[in-house]
Amino acid sequence: MSTRQFRLPDLGEGLTEAEVLRWLVEVGDTVAVDQPVVEVETAKASVEVPSPYGGVVVELHAAAGRTLDVGAPLISITDSSASPAGEGSGNVLVGYGTAEVRRGRRGRRRPVAALPSNGTRPLVISPIVRKLARDHHVDLTALTGTAPGGVIARRDVEQAIAAAFPPADQAVVTSPPIPVHRAGAPDQGPLPVRERVPLRGVHRAMADRLTRSHQEIPDATTWVDVDATELVETRRQALARDPEHPVGILAYIARFVVAGLARYPDLNSRVDVEAGEIVRFEGVNLGIAAQGDRGLLVPVVHDAHRRNVRELHAEITRLAKGARAGELGVGDLTGGTFTLNNYGVFNVDGAAPIVNHPEAAILGVGRILDRPWVVDGAVVPRKIAQFSLTFDHRVCDGGTAAGFLRFVVDCVEHPTDALSLI
């Protein structure tokens, strides 16, 4: 037998480190070639790292929560003639057996779920269920799965959470006594600390990016109220013609944004401070701000300028679902040149969003509401929304920013004409 050490590989995009979120295997487990053995989180995304070796795990070189540099030892695996890489171990490795391997999304081989051969490990197939349990400190080994085959389902974890945290009217809360300050007594300081939440992975990267944006970019914001009545009607008519393939309002706006950037390329750029240059891009990679379980993410619709409204809708939908489920890869979260932020989904009217560094601008879209509006001298109800553009004042002046925003607004207010021309 020989022992081979697998080191944290280069995960691309200039990433130099990753945090170990959780191990998918334990010492003594038998793993197959290309089987995911650990989930790590980089500054871009969380990914499962497959092993290039097959054999028996003899050492895990980093505990969960530790940050490793690229090239640092990750796992050691010993070849075993009794358990060749091509055969299955029969073990259940955090919900997965190694009896066979199938091709997953993007060609990655993933282990097929199998029933447990021993009773010491829970059978949990869904990564969402594992994350839910981890976030609420639920011991999966103490649960009995109610799904077919004894698999622990989301409802099993949710019931355990409910049992551990009863409703407020049933819980008995004991509050600490409030200290009484007497004259001359020393200051007792602020309130007790409830918890400390470390900034890690994607959350830390976003915090760093927003801080850097605030520090480096001299930004300005301009906004306008938009009559989106015709756009809402255009979407309704399209849905009536093809109810099986609905297209969201955001996809139409995205198409208008891309067309506007072709006319105002200053906003589809970034500032290279060291070179003293403004770098303008050929084409648009459109970032779509999205809220996921791990915080704010900005997945990117690559080559948005090559996509029609229906294609934009399909890609935006895929990225939004992936963001909520924490399933986006590094490529899905990098390379953006302009960001579209639909904060209307949070039921708010307006905001002045922070530019997504190192981009030059971000367009915010508020919710669409029925409001009184003057049309041809008469006050009538219309579908009104607020659009706001925050931009880097180094790349353009207010006239250029206003021209771009007005172009997008005109497209929204006259979508039929706009779609026939762009």
Protein backbone atom coordinates (compact mmCIF):
# COMPACT_ATOMS: atom_id res chain seq x y z
CA MET A 1 0.00 0.00 0.00
CA SER A 2 1.10 3.59 -0.66
CA THR A 3 -0.24 6.81 0.79
CA ARG A 4 -0.89 9.78 -1.45
CA GLN A 5 -1.53 13.31 -0.24
CA PHE A 6 -4.09 15.47 -2.03
CA ARG A 7 -3.51 19.22 -1.66
CA LEU A 8 -6.06 22.00 -2.00
CA PRO A 9 -6.17 22.60 -5.75
CA ASP A 10 -6.16 25.91 -7.59
CA LEU A 11 -9.85 26.82 -7.74
CA GLY A 12 -9.37 29.44 -10.43
CA GLU A 13 -10.27 33.15 -10.66
CA GLY A 14 -7.10 34.09 -8.76
CA LEU A 15 -8.41 32.57 -5.52
CA THR A 16 -5.62 31.84 -3.05
CA GLU A 17 -7.49 30.29 -0.12
CA ALA A 18 -10.63 28.47 0.91
CA GLU A 19 -12.40 27.64 4.16
CA VAL A 20 -13.27 24.03 4.94
CA LEU A 21 -17.03 24.02 5.44
CA ARG A 22 -17.51 20.30 6.08
CA TRP A 23 -15.95 16.97 5.32
CA LEU A 24 -17.96 14.53 3.25
CA VAL A 25 -15.79 11.61 4.39
CA GLU A 26 -14.15 10.36 7.58
CA VAL A 27 -10.92 8.58 8.38
CA GLY A 28 -11.38 4.92 7.47
CA ASP A 29 -13.86 5.55 4.66
CA THR A 30 -13.18 4.18 1.22
CA VAL A 31 -13.46 6.72 -1.58
CA ALA A 32 -13.61 6.43 -5.34
CA VAL A 33 -11.79 8.54 -7.92
CA ASP A 34 -13.66 11.80 -8.55
CA GLN A 35 -15.82 11.37 -5.47
CA PRO A 36 -16.42 14.67 -3.61
CA VAL A 37 -14.62 14.50 -0.26
CA VAL A 38 -14.93 18.01 1.15
CA GLU A 39 -17.00 21.16 0.71
CA VAL A 40 -15.02 24.39 0.80
CA GLU A 41 -16.03 28.02 0.53
CA THR A 42 -13.97 30.56 -1.37
CA ALA A 43 -14.51 34.26 -1.74
CA LYS A 44 -16.73 33.44 -4.73
CA ALA A 45 -18.77 30.34 -3.93
CA SER A 46 -18.94 27.07 -2.04
CA VAL A 47 -17.80 24.03 -4.03
CA GLU A 48 -17.37 20.33 -3.46
CA VAL A 49 -13.82 19.17 -4.15
CA PRO A 50 -13.47 15.67 -5.69
CA SER A 51 -10.55 13.39 -4.90
CA PRO A 52 -8.19 12.44 -7.74
CA TYR A 53 -7.31 9.24 -5.86
CA GLY A 54 -9.23 6.15 -4.80
CA GLY A 55 -8.59 4.23 -1.62
CA VAL A 56 -8.94 4.51 2.14
CA VAL A 57 -8.89 7.86 3.95
CA VAL A 58 -6.09 7.89 6.51
CA GLU A 59 -5.94 11.58 7.48
CA LEU A 60 -7.95 14.79 7.16
CA HIS A 61 -5.49 17.65 7.38
CA ALA A 62 -7.83 20.47 8.37
CA ALA A 63 -10.84 20.72 10.65
CA ALA A 64 -14.09 22.33 9.54
CA GLY A 65 -13.86 26.09 9.89
CA ARG A 66 -10.16 26.28 9.07
CA THR A 67 -8.94 28.37 6.15
CA LEU A 68 -6.31 26.78 3.89
CA ASP A 69 -4.03 28.27 1.28
CA VAL A 70 -4.02 26.74 -2.18
CA GLY A 71 -1.45 23.93 -2.15
CA ALA A 72 -1.89 23.13 1.55
CA PRO A 73 -2.39 19.43 2.47
CA LEU A 74 -6.09 18.52 2.36
CA ILE A 75 -6.49 14.74 2.67
CA SER A 76 -4.29 11.62 2.62
CA ILE A 77 -5.51 8.44 0.98
CA THR A 78 -3.94 4.98 1.04
CA ASP A 79 -4.29 2.61 -1.88
CA SER A 80 -5.81 -0.73 -0.88
CA SER A 81 -5.88 -3.78 -3.09
CA ALA A 82 -8.85 -5.00 -1.07
CA SER A 83 -10.85 -1.93 -2.02
CA PRO A 84 -9.83 -0.83 -5.51
CA ALA A 85 -10.99 2.59 -6.68
CA GLY A 86 -13.42 1.14 -9.15
CA GLU A 87 -15.44 -0.77 -6.52
CA GLY A 88 -17.83 0.57 -3.99
CA SER A 89 -17.17 0.56 -0.28
CA GLY A 90 -20.81 0.19 0.69
CA ASN A 91 -20.34 2.96 3.24
CA VAL A 92 -22.62 5.92 3.50
CA LEU A 93 -20.51 9.08 3.29
CA VAL A 94 -22.70 11.89 4.58
CA GLY A 95 -25.64 10.53 2.68
CA TYR A 96 -23.89 9.09 -0.33
CA GLY A 97 -22.72 5.55 -1.03
CA THR A 98 -19.90 4.64 -3.40
CA ALA A 99 -21.53 1.64 -5.03
CA GLU A 100 -21.47 3.40 -8.37
CA VAL A 101 -20.74 6.83 -9.78
CA ARG A 102 -22.86 8.86 -12.14
CA ARG A 103 -22.20 11.94 -14.18
CA GLY A 104 -23.55 15.09 -12.57
CA ARG A 105 -24.05 18.58 -13.89
CA ARG A 106 -21.14 19.86 -15.98
CA GLY A 107 -19.77 16.36 -16.35
CA ARG A 108 -18.66 15.94 -12.73
CA ARG A 109 -19.00 12.43 -11.41
CA ARG A 110 -21.01 12.16 -8.22
CA PRO A 111 -21.71 9.18 -5.94
CA VAL A 112 -25.14 7.64 -6.12
CA ALA A 113 -27.24 7.54 -2.96
CA ALA A 114 -27.19 4.17 -1.22
CA LEU A 115 -28.68 2.64 1.89
CA PRO A 116 -26.45 2.58 4.96
CA SER A 117 -24.52 -0.59 5.81
CA ASN A 118 -24.05 0.47 9.46
CA GLY A 119 -26.24 2.44 11.83
CA THR A 120 -23.73 5.06 12.95
CA ARG A 121 -24.20 7.54 10.12
CA PRO A 122 -27.42 9.28 9.07
CA LEU A 123 -28.75 8.86 5.55
CA VAL A 124 -29.11 12.43 4.29
CA ILE A 125 -29.14 12.91 0.55
CA SER A 126 -30.12 16.57 0.16
CA PRO A 127 -27.38 19.17 0.75
CA ILE A 128 -30.13 21.66 1.65
CA VAL A 129 -31.25 19.38 4.48
CA ARG A 130 -27.67 19.02 5.72
CA LYS A 131 -27.21 22.80 5.69
CA LEU A 132 -30.51 23.36 7.52
CA ALA A 133 -29.44 20.92 10.22
CA ARG A 134 -25.98 22.46 10.48
CA ASP A 135 -27.32 26.02 10.75
CA HIS A 136 -29.70 25.04 13.58
CA HIS A 137 -27.31 22.65 15.36
CA VAL A 138 -29.50 19.61 14.81
CA ASP A 139 -27.79 16.25 15.43
CA LEU A 140 -28.72 14.19 12.38
CA THR A 141 -27.64 10.96 14.06
CA ALA A 142 -30.49 11.41 16.54
CA LEU A 143 -33.16 11.61 13.83
CA THR A 144 -35.16 8.89 12.14
CA GLY A 145 -35.77 9.48 8.47
CA THR A 146 -39.39 9.38 7.30
CA ALA A 147 -38.67 9.44 3.55
CA PRO A 148 -38.50 6.17 1.56
CA GLY A 149 -35.48 4.07 2.49
CA GLY A 150 -35.08 5.84 5.83
CA VAL A 151 -33.73 9.03 4.23
CA ILE A 152 -33.87 12.08 6.51
CA ALA A 153 -36.08 14.65 4.81
CA ARG A 154 -36.37 18.38 5.35
CA ARG A 155 -39.57 17.91 7.37
CA ASP A 156 -37.65 15.70 9.83
CA VAL A 157 -35.12 18.44 10.48
CA GLU A 158 -37.81 21.13 10.70
CA GLN A 159 -39.70 19.06 13.31
CA ALA A 160 -36.51 18.76 15.34
CA ILE A 161 -35.99 22.52 15.14
CA ALA A 162 -39.58 23.16 16.21
CA ALA A 163 -39.17 20.83 19.18
CA ALA A 164 -35.98 22.58 20.27
CA PHE A 165 -37.39 26.09 19.83
CA PRO A 166 -41.06 26.20 20.90
CA PRO A 167 -43.25 29.22 20.11
CA ALA A 168 -42.79 32.27 22.28
CA ASP A 169 -46.10 31.78 24.07
CA GLN A 170 -45.00 28.28 25.15
CA ALA A 171 -41.40 29.01 26.03
CA VAL A 172 -40.35 29.96 29.50
CA VAL A 173 -37.96 32.87 29.32
CA THR A 174 -35.84 33.83 32.28
CA SER A 175 -34.38 37.31 31.95
CA PRO A 176 -31.27 38.31 33.87
CA PRO A 177 -31.79 41.02 36.48
CA ILE A 178 -31.20 44.56 35.28
CA PRO A 179 -28.17 45.99 37.05
CA VAL A 180 -28.74 49.11 39.15
CA HIS A 181 -26.14 51.83 38.73
CA ARG A 182 -25.39 53.74 41.88
CA ALA A 183 -23.72 57.10 42.05
CA GLY A 184 -20.01 56.73 41.64
CA ALA A 185 -20.27 53.14 40.38
CA PRO A 186 -18.05 52.26 37.44
CA ASP A 187 -19.63 52.13 33.96
CA GLN A 188 -20.82 48.59 33.22
CA GLY A 189 -20.33 49.01 29.46
CA PRO A 190 -22.73 48.03 26.64
CA LEU A 191 -25.28 45.24 26.63
CA PRO A 192 -24.04 41.63 26.79
CA VAL A 193 -22.91 40.23 23.45
CA ARG A 194 -25.50 37.83 22.06
CA GLU A 195 -23.21 36.26 19.47
CA ARG A 196 -20.32 36.95 17.13
CA VAL A 197 -20.79 36.06 13.47
CA PRO A 198 -17.51 35.72 11.56
CA LEU A 199 -17.27 37.25 8.09
CA ARG A 200 -16.28 34.32 5.91
CA GLY A 201 -16.34 33.19 2.34
CA VAL A 202 -18.88 34.90 0.10
CA HIS A 203 -20.14 37.12 2.92
CA ARG A 204 -16.64 38.39 3.65
CA ALA A 205 -15.91 38.92 -0.04
CA MET A 206 -19.09 40.95 -0.48
CA ALA A 207 -18.32 43.02 2.62
CA ASP A 208 -14.82 43.71 1.33
CA ARG A 209 -16.14 44.63 -2.11
CA LEU A 210 -18.77 47.03 -0.78
CA THR A 211 -16.27 48.63 1.61
CA ARG A 212 -13.79 49.08 -1.20
CA SER A 213 -16.49 50.54 -3.42
CA HIS A 214 -17.46 53.06 -0.76
CA GLN A 215 -13.82 54.03 -0.18
CA GLU A 216 -12.62 54.21 -3.78
CA ILE A 217 -15.53 55.17 -6.01
CA PRO A 218 -16.79 58.78 -6.05
CA ASP A 219 -20.35 57.82 -6.82
CA ALA A 220 -23.48 59.77 -7.60
CA THR A 221 -27.10 58.71 -7.91
CA THR A 222 -29.87 59.87 -10.21
CA TRP A 223 -33.41 58.52 -10.34
CA VAL A 224 -36.72 58.87 -12.12
CA ASP A 225 -40.30 57.62 -11.72
CA VAL A 226 -41.29 55.33 -14.58
CA ASP A 227 -44.70 54.63 -16.09
CA ALA A 228 -44.47 50.86 -16.59
CA THR A 229 -48.11 50.41 -17.60
CA GLU A 230 -47.37 49.47 -21.21
CA LEU A 231 -44.60 47.08 -20.16
CA VAL A 232 -46.93 45.27 -17.77
CA GLU A 233 -49.50 45.03 -20.56
CA THR A 234 -46.89 43.81 -23.05
CA ARG A 235 -45.92 41.03 -20.66
CA ARG A 236 -49.59 40.14 -20.09
CA GLN A 237 -50.21 39.83 -23.82
CA ALA A 238 -47.10 37.69 -24.28
CA LEU A 239 -48.24 35.41 -21.47
CA ALA A 240 -51.69 35.09 -23.07
CA ARG A 241 -50.09 34.05 -26.36
CA ASP A 242 -47.72 31.54 -24.75
CA PRO A 243 -48.80 30.65 -21.19
CA GLU A 244 -46.35 27.73 -21.03
CA HIS A 245 -43.33 30.04 -21.30
CA PRO A 246 -43.80 33.09 -19.06
CA VAL A 247 -41.23 35.88 -19.18
CA GLY A 248 -40.62 38.12 -16.17
CA ILE A 249 -40.59 41.91 -16.14
CA LEU A 250 -36.93 41.86 -15.07
CA ALA A 251 -35.93 40.12 -18.30
CA TYR A 252 -37.45 42.94 -20.36
CA ILE A 253 -35.64 45.53 -18.24
CA ALA A 254 -32.41 43.57 -18.62
CA ARG A 255 -32.79 43.67 -22.39
CA PHE A 256 -33.30 47.44 -22.30
CA VAL A 257 -30.27 47.86 -20.01
CA VAL A 258 -28.05 45.93 -22.42
CA ALA A 259 -29.25 48.08 -25.32
CA GLY A 260 -28.61 51.22 -23.28
CA LEU A 261 -25.05 50.16 -22.47
CA ALA A 262 -24.35 49.75 -26.18
CA ARG A 263 -25.27 53.43 -26.59
CA TYR A 264 -23.54 54.59 -23.40
CA PRO A 265 -20.41 52.41 -23.11
CA ASP A 266 -18.89 54.62 -20.42
CA LEU A 267 -21.15 52.88 -17.91
CA ASN A 268 -20.05 49.40 -19.07
CA SER A 269 -16.51 49.90 -17.85
CA ARG A 270 -14.19 50.02 -14.89
CA VAL A 271 -11.32 52.25 -13.76
CA ASP A 272 -7.79 50.84 -13.82
CA VAL A 273 -6.23 53.10 -11.20
CA GLU A 274 -2.67 51.81 -11.61
CA ALA A 275 -2.71 52.29 -15.38
CA GLY A 276 -4.66 55.53 -15.18
CA GLU A 277 -7.19 54.25 -17.70
CA ILE A 278 -10.91 53.67 -18.10
CA VAL A 279 -11.40 50.14 -19.45
CA ARG A 280 -14.49 49.75 -21.63
CA PHE A 281 -15.79 46.31 -22.55
CA GLU A 282 -16.96 44.77 -25.79
CA GLY A 283 -20.29 43.20 -24.86
CA VAL A 284 -22.09 42.98 -21.52
CA ASN A 285 -21.86 40.52 -18.66
CA LEU A 286 -24.92 41.53 -16.66
CA GLY A 287 -24.87 40.97 -12.90
CA ILE A 288 -28.22 40.33 -11.21
CA ALA A 289 -28.19 41.08 -7.49
CA ALA A 290 -29.87 38.20 -5.66
CA GLN A 291 -30.46 37.30 -2.03
CA GLY A 292 -29.47 33.75 -1.08
CA ASP A 293 -29.16 31.76 2.14
CA ARG A 294 -25.52 32.82 2.35
CA GLY A 295 -26.24 36.52 1.89
CA LEU A 296 -26.18 38.89 -1.05
CA LEU A 297 -24.82 37.41 -4.26
CA VAL A 298 -24.44 38.85 -7.75
CA PRO A 299 -24.67 36.01 -10.27
CA VAL A 300 -23.74 37.00 -13.80
CA VAL A 301 -25.56 36.55 -17.10
CA HIS A 302 -22.57 36.16 -19.38
CA ASP A 303 -22.81 37.54 -22.93
CA ALA A 304 -26.11 39.20 -22.10
CA HIS A 305 -25.81 41.24 -25.31
CA ARG A 306 -26.22 38.04 -27.34
CA ARG A 307 -29.50 37.01 -25.64
CA ASN A 308 -33.10 37.93 -26.40
CA VAL A 309 -35.71 38.56 -23.71
CA ARG A 310 -36.73 34.91 -23.42
CA GLU A 311 -33.11 33.75 -23.15
CA LEU A 312 -32.39 36.41 -20.54
CA HIS A 313 -35.40 35.25 -18.52
CA ALA A 314 -34.24 31.63 -18.61
CA GLU A 315 -30.74 32.49 -17.43
CA ILE A 316 -31.91 34.92 -14.74
CA THR A 317 -34.27 32.24 -13.42
CA ARG A 318 -31.50 29.63 -13.35
CA LEU A 319 -29.12 31.94 -11.52
CA ALA A 320 -31.75 33.06 -8.99
CA LYS A 321 -32.62 29.46 -8.12
CA GLY A 322 -28.95 28.57 -7.83
CA ALA A 323 -28.29 31.55 -5.57
CA ARG A 324 -31.13 30.58 -3.21
CA ALA A 325 -29.96 26.97 -3.08
CA GLY A 326 -26.26 27.83 -2.77
CA GLU A 327 -25.47 25.82 -5.89
CA LEU A 328 -23.74 28.41 -8.07
CA GLY A 329 -20.17 27.85 -9.18
CA VAL A 330 -17.33 30.35 -9.35
CA GLY A 331 -18.00 31.05 -13.03
CA ASP A 332 -21.59 32.02 -12.26
CA LEU A 333 -20.47 34.71 -9.81
CA THR A 334 -17.60 36.42 -11.61
CA GLY A 335 -16.92 38.55 -14.66
CA GLY A 336 -19.75 41.07 -14.39
CA THR A 337 -19.44 44.47 -16.10
CA PHE A 338 -22.73 46.09 -14.95
CA THR A 339 -25.27 45.17 -12.25
CA LEU A 340 -29.07 45.25 -12.21
CA ASN A 341 -30.59 45.29 -8.72
CA ASN A 342 -34.30 44.50 -8.41
CA TYR A 343 -34.94 45.63 -4.85
CA GLY A 344 -38.63 45.83 -5.67
CA VAL A 345 -38.89 42.15 -4.75
CA PHE A 346 -38.42 43.27 -1.14
CA ASN A 347 -41.52 45.47 -1.46
CA VAL A 348 -39.65 48.77 -1.37
CA ASP A 349 -39.98 51.72 -3.71
CA GLY A 350 -36.46 53.11 -4.01
CA ALA A 351 -32.84 52.95 -2.92
CA ALA A 352 -29.39 54.27 -3.75
CA PRO A 353 -27.49 51.00 -4.25
CA ILE A 354 -23.71 50.76 -3.83
CA VAL A 355 -21.75 50.19 -7.04
CA ASN A 356 -20.54 46.60 -7.29
CA HIS A 357 -16.77 47.22 -7.31
CA PRO A 358 -14.90 47.27 -9.69
CA GLU A 359 -17.83 48.00 -12.01
CA ALA A 360 -18.82 51.56 -12.88
CA ALA A 361 -22.58 51.59 -12.34
CA ILE A 362 -25.62 49.79 -10.96
CA LEU A 363 -29.29 50.24 -11.88
CA GLY A 364 -31.88 49.75 -9.14
CA VAL A 365 -35.53 48.90 -9.80
CA GLY A 366 -38.26 49.50 -7.23
CA ARG A 367 -41.64 47.82 -6.94
CA ILE A 368 -44.40 48.59 -9.46
CA LEU A 369 -47.48 50.16 -7.84
CA ASP A 370 -50.79 51.61 -8.98
CA ARG A 371 -50.50 55.38 -8.57
CA PRO A 372 -52.27 58.48 -9.87
CA TRP A 373 -50.51 59.79 -12.99
CA VAL A 374 -51.20 62.66 -15.36
CA VAL A 375 -51.79 61.47 -18.95
CA ASP A 376 -52.91 63.99 -21.58
CA GLY A 377 -54.02 66.40 -18.87
CA ALA A 378 -56.09 63.84 -16.93
CA VAL A 379 -55.21 62.09 -13.69
CA VAL A 380 -55.48 58.33 -14.24
CA PRO A 381 -54.21 55.21 -12.42
CA ARG A 382 -50.95 53.89 -13.89
CA LYS A 383 -48.28 51.28 -13.02
CA ILE A 384 -45.43 53.36 -11.59
CA ALA A 385 -41.95 52.32 -10.44
CA GLN A 386 -38.79 54.18 -9.46
CA PHE A 387 -35.50 53.49 -11.27
CA SER A 388 -32.23 54.71 -9.74
CA LEU A 389 -28.76 54.74 -11.29
CA THR A 390 -25.67 54.95 -9.12
CA PHE A 391 -22.52 55.52 -11.14
CA ASP A 392 -18.79 56.16 -10.81
CA HIS A 393 -18.34 59.85 -11.52
CA ARG A 394 -14.82 59.17 -12.80
CA VAL A 395 -16.11 57.36 -15.90
CA CYS A 396 -18.76 59.86 -16.97
CA ASP A 397 -20.58 63.03 -16.05
CA GLY A 398 -24.18 63.43 -14.99
CA GLY A 399 -25.34 64.05 -18.54
CA THR A 400 -24.17 60.64 -19.73
CA ALA A 401 -25.69 58.91 -16.70
CA ALA A 402 -28.98 60.72 -17.20
CA GLY A 403 -28.95 59.87 -20.91
CA PHE A 404 -28.56 56.16 -20.17
CA LEU A 405 -31.25 56.18 -17.49
CA ARG A 406 -33.63 58.10 -19.74
CA PHE A 407 -33.05 55.61 -22.57
CA VAL A 408 -33.93 52.66 -20.34
CA VAL A 409 -36.98 54.48 -18.98
CA ASP A 410 -38.20 55.34 -22.48
CA CYS A 411 -37.89 51.66 -23.44
CA VAL A 412 -39.94 50.66 -20.39
CA GLU A 413 -42.61 53.24 -21.18
CA HIS A 414 -42.77 52.27 -24.88
CA PRO A 415 -41.71 48.59 -24.91
CA THR A 416 -43.30 47.60 -28.21
CA ASP A 417 -41.39 50.25 -30.14
CA ALA A 418 -38.19 49.52 -28.21
CA LEU A 419 -38.29 45.77 -28.80
CA SER A 420 -38.75 46.29 -32.53
CA LEU A 421 -35.62 48.44 -32.71
CA ILE A 422 -33.09 46.86 -30.37
